[in-house]
């Protein structure tokens, strides 16, 4: 269930933006206790604001992916394992982001932050795996031998023994 090109582009762009702003925040947060800490504190605040804004756009995109990609792929039985794992990671990121924003406990906030960072750093590898497996599955399903000739799956003639 390949994404429509514009939706694919914007999904990749927004999630890349989230990765870059998240990594920039991690660096700035580590450097805010350095001698030039005030500047890094400002960078950390700015990147966190950008990251949060990007996350809001990502939630809209994920909402668009539900009927346009996830539901269709699930019904077709395609790439369910990595798709379900990606949805789980996205849900963990959304819940932990909420916890980071609204948590009142410093101890709880540290645990939630670690979970959010781990899920955020793991998501790009999961996306790459999901896309690779999806392309591999599409390529293997898209071609079938009919009478010794390779034809696209959509052009394969139906026989009376097959379900319509």
Protein backbone atom coordinates (compact mmCIF):
# COMPACT_ATOMS: atom_id res chain seq x y z
CA UNK A 1 0.00 0.00 0.00
CA UNK A 2 2.38 2.65 -1.22
CA UNK A 3 1.65 6.17 -0.06
CA UNK A 4 0.54 8.84 -2.50
CA UNK A 5 3.74 10.76 -3.42
CA UNK A 6 2.86 14.07 -1.74
CA UNK A 7 1.74 12.37 1.48
CA UNK A 8 4.90 10.24 1.44
CA UNK A 9 7.10 13.31 0.92
CA UNK A 10 5.48 15.31 3.72
CA UNK A 11 5.46 12.35 6.10
CA UNK A 12 9.18 11.73 5.55
CA UNK A 13 9.94 15.47 5.73
CA UNK A 14 8.07 16.03 9.00
CA UNK A 15 9.52 12.96 10.68
CA UNK A 16 13.03 13.93 9.51
CA UNK A 17 12.39 17.40 10.95
CA UNK A 18 11.37 15.80 14.25
CA UNK A 19 14.54 13.71 14.29
CA UNK A 20 16.77 16.72 13.57
CA UNK A 21 15.08 18.98 16.14
CA UNK A 22 15.07 16.18 18.71
CA UNK A 23 18.79 15.54 18.21
CA UNK A 24 19.52 19.29 18.28
CA UNK A 25 17.64 19.56 21.56
CA UNK A 26 19.61 16.62 23.02
CA UNK A 27 22.91 18.34 22.16
CA UNK A 28 21.76 21.76 23.38
CA UNK A 29 20.41 20.28 26.61
CA UNK A 30 23.75 18.62 27.33
CA UNK A 31 25.62 21.87 26.67
CA UNK A 32 23.41 24.17 28.72
CA UNK A 33 25.63 23.56 31.79
CA UNK A 34 28.77 24.59 29.86
CA UNK A 35 30.43 28.02 30.16
CA UNK A 36 28.28 29.26 27.25
CA UNK A 37 25.21 27.73 28.85
CA UNK A 38 22.88 30.68 28.36
CA UNK A 39 23.17 30.45 24.59
CA UNK A 40 22.62 26.70 24.67
CA UNK A 41 19.60 27.17 26.94
CA UNK A 42 18.11 29.49 24.30
CA UNK A 43 18.89 26.96 21.55
CA UNK A 44 17.33 24.18 23.63
CA UNK A 45 14.16 26.22 24.15
CA UNK A 46 13.89 27.12 20.47
CA UNK A 47 14.46 23.57 19.24
CA UNK A 48 11.98 22.21 21.76
CA UNK A 49 9.35 24.66 20.49
CA UNK A 50 10.05 23.65 16.88
CA UNK A 51 9.99 19.98 17.84
CA UNK A 52 6.60 20.37 19.52
CA UNK A 53 5.18 22.20 16.51
CA UNK A 54 6.47 19.50 14.20
CA UNK A 55 4.92 16.86 16.44
CA UNK A 56 1.52 18.49 16.03
CA UNK A 57 1.88 18.28 12.25
CA UNK A 58 3.05 14.65 12.58
CA UNK A 59 -0.12 13.80 14.51
CA UNK A 60 -2.22 15.22 11.66
CA UNK A 61 -0.22 13.16 9.16
CA UNK A 62 -0.63 10.01 11.24
CA UNK A 63 -4.37 10.70 11.31
CA UNK A 64 -4.33 10.92 7.50
CA UNK A 65 -2.36 7.68 7.28
CA UNK A 66 -5.02 5.71 9.16
CA UNK A 67 -7.61 5.53 6.35
CA UNK A 68 -5.22 6.10 3.44
CA UNK A 69 -2.54 3.58 4.34
CA UNK A 70 -2.89 1.70 7.61
CA UNK A 71 -6.46 0.49 7.24
CA UNK A 72 -5.99 -0.57 3.61
CA UNK A 73 -2.72 -2.37 4.35
CA UNK A 74 -4.20 -4.10 7.41
CA UNK A 75 -7.20 -5.32 5.40
CA UNK A 76 -4.83 -6.58 2.69
CA UNK A 77 -2.70 -8.35 5.33
CA UNK A 78 0.43 -6.47 4.32
CA UNK A 79 3.39 -5.52 6.54
CA UNK A 80 1.35 -5.91 9.72
CA UNK A 81 4.23 -6.59 12.14
CA UNK A 82 6.31 -3.50 11.38
CA UNK A 83 3.18 -1.41 10.82
CA UNK A 84 1.81 -2.33 14.24
CA UNK A 85 5.20 -1.68 15.80
CA UNK A 86 5.35 1.76 14.15
CA UNK A 87 1.86 2.63 15.41
CA UNK A 88 2.96 1.51 18.88
CA UNK A 89 6.10 3.67 18.72
CA UNK A 90 4.03 6.66 17.55
CA UNK A 91 1.57 6.12 20.41
CA UNK A 92 4.43 5.86 22.92
CA UNK A 93 5.91 9.09 21.55
CA UNK A 94 2.56 10.90 21.80
CA UNK A 95 1.85 9.67 25.34
CA UNK A 96 5.36 10.40 26.59
CA UNK A 97 5.27 13.86 24.96
CA UNK A 98 2.08 14.53 26.91
CA UNK A 99 3.79 13.23 30.05
CA UNK A 100 6.83 15.45 29.45
CA UNK A 101 4.67 18.51 28.99
CA UNK A 102 2.34 17.92 31.93
CA UNK A 103 4.40 15.87 34.39
CA UNK A 104 4.78 17.48 37.78
CA UNK A 105 7.32 15.04 39.18
CA UNK A 106 11.00 15.36 38.27
CA UNK A 107 11.59 11.65 38.90
CA UNK A 108 8.67 10.63 36.68
CA UNK A 109 9.69 13.18 34.04
CA UNK A 110 13.19 11.65 33.81
CA UNK A 111 11.76 8.17 33.15
CA UNK A 112 9.28 9.50 30.59
CA UNK A 113 12.05 11.49 28.88
CA UNK A 114 14.24 8.39 28.55
CA UNK A 115 11.37 6.41 27.02
CA UNK A 116 10.56 9.28 24.62
CA UNK A 117 14.19 9.62 23.53
CA UNK A 118 14.62 5.86 23.02
CA UNK A 119 11.43 5.60 20.96
CA UNK A 120 12.34 8.70 18.95
CA UNK A 121 15.82 7.40 18.17
CA UNK A 122 14.49 3.95 17.30
CA UNK A 123 11.72 5.13 15.00
CA UNK A 124 13.92 6.01 11.96
CA UNK A 125 15.35 2.48 11.85
CA UNK A 126 11.83 1.07 12.17
CA UNK A 127 10.59 3.30 9.32
CA UNK A 128 13.47 2.11 7.13
CA UNK A 129 12.67 -1.52 7.94
CA UNK A 130 8.94 -1.00 7.31
CA UNK A 131 9.54 0.66 3.94
CA UNK A 132 12.13 -1.94 2.88
CA UNK A 133 9.88 -4.87 3.79
CA UNK A 134 6.91 -3.18 2.14
CA UNK A 135 8.80 -2.65 -1.10
CA UNK A 136 10.13 -6.20 -1.02
CA UNK A 137 6.63 -7.59 -0.43
CA UNK A 138 5.15 -5.39 -3.16
CA UNK A 139 7.84 -6.52 -5.61
CA UNK A 140 7.31 -10.23 -4.87
CA UNK A 141 3.50 -10.01 -4.94
CA UNK A 142 3.44 -7.72 -7.97
CA UNK A 143 4.89 -10.34 -10.31
CA UNK A 144 3.50 -13.80 -10.84
CA UNK A 145 4.23 -16.45 -13.41
CA UNK A 146 1.33 -17.21 -15.76
CA UNK A 147 2.01 -19.81 -18.41
CA UNK A 148 5.76 -19.37 -17.89
CA UNK A 149 5.54 -15.60 -18.48
CA UNK A 150 6.03 -12.97 -15.76
CA UNK A 151 3.10 -10.53 -15.69
CA UNK A 152 2.06 -7.85 -13.23
CA UNK A 153 -0.30 -9.14 -10.54
CA UNK A 154 -3.06 -6.77 -11.62
CA UNK A 155 -2.91 -8.19 -15.17
CA UNK A 156 -2.96 -11.84 -14.12
CA UNK A 157 -5.98 -13.55 -15.68
CA UNK A 158 -8.53 -14.96 -13.28
CA UNK A 159 -9.50 -18.60 -13.52
CA UNK A 160 -12.71 -20.25 -12.46
CA UNK A 161 -10.99 -21.78 -9.42
CA UNK A 162 -10.08 -18.36 -7.96
CA UNK A 163 -12.27 -16.17 -5.84
CA UNK A 164 -13.36 -12.98 -7.63
